[in-house]
């Protein structure tokens, strides 16, 4: 929460993720989304479903199509929480070879 009498600062919305097979691009995007959510105090267990809804607002193209099918599809019996959804998104679009390459580059 912000102090009484203060206006909430306008935080720039991060670019949308479209499903690029780049470990670095994915984590840069995710860092921006998480910063945005923290700035607006959309965090913690009570905000988990809101974070999942906002996650889709930061997706486009193939990633948005994947979200509609895998996370938000009406036939799904159970909706995952935010963290598993992000992990599934990463697993779907960032191939293991790219993640291994990113690990080598940072070593």
N, C-alpha and C. Protein backbone atom coordinates (compact mmCIF):
# COMPACT_ATOMS: atom_id res chain seq x y z
N UNK A 1 0.82 -1.20 0.00
CA UNK A 1 0.00 0.00 0.00
C UNK A 1 0.87 1.26 0.00
N UNK A 2 0.37 2.28 -0.63
CA UNK A 2 1.10 3.54 -0.64
C UNK A 2 0.58 4.43 0.47
N UNK A 3 1.41 5.34 0.96
CA UNK A 3 0.99 6.23 2.05
C UNK A 3 -0.22 7.08 1.65
N UNK A 4 -1.04 7.39 2.63
CA UNK A 4 -2.22 8.21 2.41
C UNK A 4 -1.82 9.55 1.81
N UNK A 5 -2.57 9.98 0.82
CA UNK A 5 -2.31 11.27 0.19
C UNK A 5 -1.38 11.18 -1.01
N UNK A 6 -0.71 10.07 -1.17
CA UNK A 6 0.19 9.91 -2.33
C UNK A 6 -0.58 9.31 -3.49
N UNK A 7 -0.21 9.73 -4.68
CA UNK A 7 -0.77 9.12 -5.88
C UNK A 7 0.09 7.92 -6.25
N UNK A 8 -0.57 6.92 -6.78
CA UNK A 8 0.16 5.74 -7.23
C UNK A 8 0.94 6.12 -8.50
N UNK A 9 2.24 5.86 -8.53
CA UNK A 9 3.01 6.21 -9.73
C UNK A 9 2.58 5.35 -10.92
N UNK A 10 2.65 5.94 -12.10
CA UNK A 10 2.34 5.17 -13.30
C UNK A 10 3.58 4.37 -13.67
N UNK A 11 3.43 3.07 -13.70
CA UNK A 11 4.53 2.17 -14.02
C UNK A 11 4.36 1.72 -15.47
N UNK A 12 5.43 1.81 -16.23
CA UNK A 12 5.38 1.41 -17.63
C UNK A 12 5.06 -0.08 -17.73
N UNK A 13 4.14 -0.40 -18.60
CA UNK A 13 3.75 -1.80 -18.82
C UNK A 13 4.84 -2.47 -19.65
N UNK A 14 5.31 -3.65 -19.21
CA UNK A 14 6.36 -4.33 -19.98
C UNK A 14 5.84 -4.82 -21.33
N UNK A 15 6.76 -5.04 -22.25
CA UNK A 15 6.41 -5.57 -23.56
C UNK A 15 5.76 -6.94 -23.40
N UNK A 16 4.92 -7.29 -24.35
CA UNK A 16 4.24 -8.59 -24.30
C UNK A 16 5.16 -9.69 -24.82
N UNK A 17 5.02 -10.87 -24.25
CA UNK A 17 5.80 -12.04 -24.67
C UNK A 17 4.98 -12.83 -25.68
N UNK A 18 5.62 -13.14 -26.81
CA UNK A 18 4.91 -13.84 -27.88
C UNK A 18 5.29 -15.28 -28.08
N UNK A 19 6.20 -15.79 -27.24
CA UNK A 19 6.58 -17.20 -27.36
C UNK A 19 7.95 -17.42 -27.96
N UNK A 20 8.80 -16.41 -27.93
CA UNK A 20 10.15 -16.55 -28.49
C UNK A 20 10.94 -17.63 -27.75
N UNK A 21 11.74 -18.38 -28.51
CA UNK A 21 12.57 -19.45 -27.94
C UNK A 21 13.89 -18.85 -27.48
N UNK A 22 13.82 -18.00 -26.47
CA UNK A 22 15.01 -17.35 -25.93
C UNK A 22 14.88 -17.29 -24.41
N UNK A 23 15.79 -17.97 -23.74
CA UNK A 23 15.80 -17.98 -22.29
C UNK A 23 15.95 -16.56 -21.74
N UNK A 24 16.89 -15.81 -22.31
CA UNK A 24 17.16 -14.44 -21.84
C UNK A 24 15.94 -13.55 -22.06
N UNK A 25 15.34 -13.63 -23.23
CA UNK A 25 14.16 -12.81 -23.52
C UNK A 25 13.01 -13.16 -22.56
N UNK A 26 12.82 -14.45 -22.31
CA UNK A 26 11.75 -14.88 -21.40
C UNK A 26 11.97 -14.29 -20.01
N UNK A 27 13.19 -14.41 -19.48
CA UNK A 27 13.44 -13.93 -18.12
C UNK A 27 13.44 -12.41 -18.02
N UNK A 28 13.86 -11.74 -19.07
CA UNK A 28 13.77 -10.28 -19.08
C UNK A 28 12.30 -9.86 -19.06
N UNK A 29 11.48 -10.53 -19.87
CA UNK A 29 10.05 -10.26 -19.89
C UNK A 29 9.42 -10.56 -18.52
N UNK A 30 9.74 -11.73 -17.96
CA UNK A 30 9.16 -12.12 -16.67
C UNK A 30 9.56 -11.14 -15.57
N UNK A 31 10.81 -10.70 -15.57
CA UNK A 31 11.26 -9.73 -14.58
C UNK A 31 10.45 -8.44 -14.68
N UNK A 32 10.18 -8.00 -15.91
CA UNK A 32 9.37 -6.79 -16.10
C UNK A 32 7.95 -6.97 -15.61
N UNK A 33 7.36 -8.13 -15.89
CA UNK A 33 5.99 -8.41 -15.44
C UNK A 33 5.93 -8.45 -13.91
N UNK A 34 6.90 -9.12 -13.29
CA UNK A 34 6.91 -9.21 -11.83
C UNK A 34 7.14 -7.85 -11.19
N UNK A 35 8.02 -7.03 -11.77
CA UNK A 35 8.22 -5.66 -11.26
C UNK A 35 6.92 -4.87 -11.33
N UNK A 36 6.22 -5.00 -12.45
CA UNK A 36 4.95 -4.29 -12.64
C UNK A 36 3.95 -4.73 -11.59
N UNK A 37 3.85 -6.04 -11.36
CA UNK A 37 2.91 -6.56 -10.37
C UNK A 37 3.27 -6.10 -8.96
N UNK A 38 4.56 -6.09 -8.64
CA UNK A 38 4.99 -5.62 -7.31
C UNK A 38 4.66 -4.14 -7.13
N UNK A 39 4.87 -3.35 -8.18
CA UNK A 39 4.60 -1.92 -8.09
C UNK A 39 3.13 -1.64 -7.79
N UNK A 40 2.26 -2.49 -8.30
CA UNK A 40 0.83 -2.33 -8.06
C UNK A 40 0.32 -3.23 -6.94
N UNK A 41 1.25 -3.80 -6.19
CA UNK A 41 0.94 -4.64 -5.02
C UNK A 41 0.04 -5.83 -5.38
N UNK A 42 0.30 -6.41 -6.55
CA UNK A 42 -0.42 -7.61 -6.97
C UNK A 42 0.50 -8.78 -6.66
N UNK A 43 0.61 -9.10 -5.39
CA UNK A 43 1.52 -10.16 -4.97
C UNK A 43 0.97 -10.88 -3.75
N UNK A 44 1.58 -12.02 -3.47
CA UNK A 44 1.16 -12.82 -2.34
C UNK A 44 0.09 -13.82 -2.71
N UNK A 45 -0.15 -14.77 -1.82
CA UNK A 45 -1.10 -15.85 -2.09
C UNK A 45 -2.52 -15.37 -2.38
N UNK A 46 -2.94 -14.30 -1.73
CA UNK A 46 -4.30 -13.80 -1.94
C UNK A 46 -4.51 -13.22 -3.34
N UNK A 47 -3.42 -12.83 -3.99
CA UNK A 47 -3.51 -12.21 -5.32
C UNK A 47 -3.21 -13.20 -6.44
N UNK A 48 -3.06 -14.48 -6.11
CA UNK A 48 -2.60 -15.45 -7.09
C UNK A 48 -3.50 -15.51 -8.33
N UNK A 49 -4.80 -15.58 -8.17
CA UNK A 49 -5.69 -15.64 -9.33
C UNK A 49 -5.66 -14.34 -10.13
N UNK A 50 -5.48 -13.21 -9.45
CA UNK A 50 -5.36 -11.93 -10.16
C UNK A 50 -4.07 -11.91 -10.98
N UNK A 51 -2.99 -12.43 -10.41
CA UNK A 51 -1.72 -12.48 -11.15
C UNK A 51 -1.87 -13.36 -12.39
N UNK A 52 -2.60 -14.44 -12.28
CA UNK A 52 -2.82 -15.32 -13.42
C UNK A 52 -3.60 -14.59 -14.51
N UNK A 53 -4.60 -13.82 -14.12
CA UNK A 53 -5.38 -13.04 -15.09
C UNK A 53 -4.50 -11.97 -15.74
N UNK A 54 -3.72 -11.25 -14.93
CA UNK A 54 -2.84 -10.22 -15.48
C UNK A 54 -1.75 -10.81 -16.35
N UNK A 55 -1.33 -12.04 -16.07
CA UNK A 55 -0.31 -12.69 -16.89
C UNK A 55 -0.74 -12.69 -18.35
N UNK A 56 -1.98 -13.03 -18.59
CA UNK A 56 -2.46 -13.09 -19.98
C UNK A 56 -2.40 -11.72 -20.66
N UNK A 57 -2.57 -10.67 -19.90
CA UNK A 57 -2.52 -9.32 -20.48
C UNK A 57 -1.12 -8.98 -20.99
N UNK A 58 -0.14 -9.77 -20.59
CA UNK A 58 1.25 -9.54 -20.99
C UNK A 58 1.73 -10.56 -22.02
N UNK A 59 0.79 -11.23 -22.66
CA UNK A 59 1.11 -12.22 -23.69
C UNK A 59 0.52 -11.80 -25.03
N UNK A 60 1.11 -12.33 -26.10
CA UNK A 60 0.58 -12.08 -27.44
C UNK A 60 0.88 -13.30 -28.31
N UNK A 61 0.24 -13.36 -29.46
CA UNK A 61 0.53 -14.38 -30.45
C UNK A 61 0.44 -15.81 -29.93
N UNK A 62 1.48 -16.59 -30.23
CA UNK A 62 1.50 -18.01 -29.85
C UNK A 62 1.38 -18.19 -28.34
N UNK A 63 2.01 -17.32 -27.57
CA UNK A 63 1.95 -17.45 -26.11
C UNK A 63 0.53 -17.20 -25.60
N UNK A 64 -0.16 -16.24 -26.18
CA UNK A 64 -1.55 -15.99 -25.79
C UNK A 64 -2.45 -17.16 -26.20
N UNK A 65 -2.20 -17.70 -27.40
CA UNK A 65 -2.97 -18.87 -27.84
C UNK A 65 -2.75 -20.05 -26.89
N UNK A 66 -1.49 -20.25 -26.49
CA UNK A 66 -1.18 -21.33 -25.55
C UNK A 66 -1.93 -21.12 -24.24
N UNK A 67 -1.93 -19.89 -23.72
CA UNK A 67 -2.61 -19.57 -22.46
C UNK A 67 -4.10 -19.91 -22.57
N UNK A 68 -4.71 -19.52 -23.68
CA UNK A 68 -6.14 -19.78 -23.87
C UNK A 68 -6.43 -21.28 -23.85
N UNK A 69 -5.54 -22.06 -24.42
CA UNK A 69 -5.75 -23.51 -24.51
C UNK A 69 -5.39 -24.24 -23.22
N UNK A 70 -4.27 -23.88 -22.63
CA UNK A 70 -3.73 -24.65 -21.51
C UNK A 70 -4.12 -24.13 -20.12
N UNK A 71 -4.36 -22.85 -20.01
CA UNK A 71 -4.64 -22.26 -18.69
C UNK A 71 -6.10 -21.85 -18.55
N UNK A 72 -6.64 -21.20 -19.56
CA UNK A 72 -7.97 -20.58 -19.46
C UNK A 72 -9.05 -21.33 -20.23
N UNK A 73 -8.79 -22.53 -20.67
CA UNK A 73 -9.76 -23.28 -21.46
C UNK A 73 -10.92 -23.75 -20.57
N UNK A 74 -12.16 -23.59 -21.02
CA UNK A 74 -13.31 -23.97 -20.19
C UNK A 74 -13.36 -25.46 -19.83
N UNK A 75 -12.72 -26.31 -20.62
CA UNK A 75 -12.73 -27.75 -20.33
C UNK A 75 -11.71 -28.16 -19.27
N UNK A 76 -10.82 -27.26 -18.91
CA UNK A 76 -9.83 -27.59 -17.88
C UNK A 76 -10.53 -27.79 -16.54
N UNK A 77 -10.23 -28.88 -15.90
CA UNK A 77 -10.86 -29.17 -14.61
C UNK A 77 -10.24 -28.36 -13.48
N UNK A 78 -8.97 -28.01 -13.63
CA UNK A 78 -8.28 -27.27 -12.57
C UNK A 78 -7.38 -26.21 -13.20
N UNK A 79 -7.44 -25.01 -12.68
CA UNK A 79 -6.59 -23.93 -13.15
C UNK A 79 -5.35 -23.88 -12.27
N UNK A 80 -4.16 -23.87 -12.90
CA UNK A 80 -2.95 -23.82 -12.07
C UNK A 80 -2.80 -22.46 -11.40
N UNK A 81 -1.99 -22.42 -10.38
CA UNK A 81 -1.68 -21.13 -9.76
C UNK A 81 -0.64 -20.42 -10.63
N UNK A 82 -0.29 -19.21 -10.25
CA UNK A 82 0.57 -18.36 -11.07
C UNK A 82 1.93 -18.99 -11.35
N UNK A 83 2.62 -19.41 -10.31
CA UNK A 83 3.98 -19.92 -10.51
C UNK A 83 4.03 -21.14 -11.42
N UNK A 84 3.20 -22.17 -11.21
CA UNK A 84 3.22 -23.29 -12.15
C UNK A 84 2.84 -22.89 -13.58
N UNK A 85 1.95 -21.92 -13.73
CA UNK A 85 1.58 -21.45 -15.07
C UNK A 85 2.78 -20.83 -15.77
N UNK A 86 3.55 -20.03 -15.05
CA UNK A 86 4.75 -19.41 -15.64
C UNK A 86 5.76 -20.50 -16.01
N UNK A 87 5.93 -21.49 -15.15
CA UNK A 87 6.86 -22.59 -15.44
C UNK A 87 6.41 -23.36 -16.68
N UNK A 88 5.11 -23.61 -16.81
CA UNK A 88 4.59 -24.30 -17.99
C UNK A 88 4.80 -23.47 -19.25
N UNK A 89 4.62 -22.17 -19.14
CA UNK A 89 4.84 -21.27 -20.27
C UNK A 89 6.30 -21.35 -20.72
N UNK A 90 7.21 -21.31 -19.77
CA UNK A 90 8.64 -21.42 -20.08
C UNK A 90 8.94 -22.77 -20.74
N UNK A 91 8.43 -23.84 -20.15
CA UNK A 91 8.67 -25.18 -20.70
C UNK A 91 8.15 -25.32 -22.12
N UNK A 92 7.03 -24.68 -22.40
CA UNK A 92 6.43 -24.79 -23.73
C UNK A 92 7.25 -24.06 -24.80
N UNK A 93 7.78 -22.89 -24.48
CA UNK A 93 8.40 -22.06 -25.51
C UNK A 93 9.91 -22.01 -25.50
N UNK A 94 10.53 -22.18 -24.36
CA UNK A 94 11.99 -22.11 -24.30
C UNK A 94 12.52 -23.54 -24.27
N UNK A 95 13.12 -23.94 -25.37
CA UNK A 95 13.61 -25.31 -25.49
C UNK A 95 14.84 -25.52 -24.63
N UNK A 96 15.03 -26.74 -24.18
CA UNK A 96 16.13 -27.07 -23.27
C UNK A 96 17.48 -26.64 -23.82
N UNK A 97 17.69 -26.78 -25.13
CA UNK A 97 18.98 -26.40 -25.71
C UNK A 97 19.24 -24.91 -25.52
N UNK A 98 18.18 -24.09 -25.62
CA UNK A 98 18.36 -22.65 -25.43
C UNK A 98 18.63 -22.32 -23.96
N UNK A 99 17.98 -23.02 -23.05
CA UNK A 99 18.23 -22.80 -21.63
C UNK A 99 19.65 -23.22 -21.27
N UNK A 100 20.12 -24.33 -21.85
CA UNK A 100 21.50 -24.78 -21.60
C UNK A 100 22.50 -23.77 -22.15
N UNK A 101 22.21 -23.23 -23.33
CA UNK A 101 23.08 -22.22 -23.93
C UNK A 101 23.15 -20.98 -23.04
N UNK A 102 22.02 -20.56 -22.52
CA UNK A 102 21.99 -19.38 -21.63
C UNK A 102 22.80 -19.65 -20.38
N UNK A 103 22.71 -20.86 -19.84
CA UNK A 103 23.48 -21.22 -18.65
C UNK A 103 24.97 -21.14 -18.93
N UNK A 104 25.39 -21.62 -20.09
CA UNK A 104 26.81 -21.56 -20.48
C UNK A 104 27.28 -20.12 -20.61
N UNK A 105 26.44 -19.27 -21.19
CA UNK A 105 26.82 -17.87 -21.39
C UNK A 105 26.99 -17.13 -20.07
N UNK A 106 26.23 -17.51 -19.05
CA UNK A 106 26.31 -16.83 -17.76
C UNK A 106 27.38 -17.41 -16.86
N UNK A 107 27.92 -18.58 -17.22
CA UNK A 107 28.93 -19.24 -16.38
C UNK A 107 30.28 -18.56 -16.49
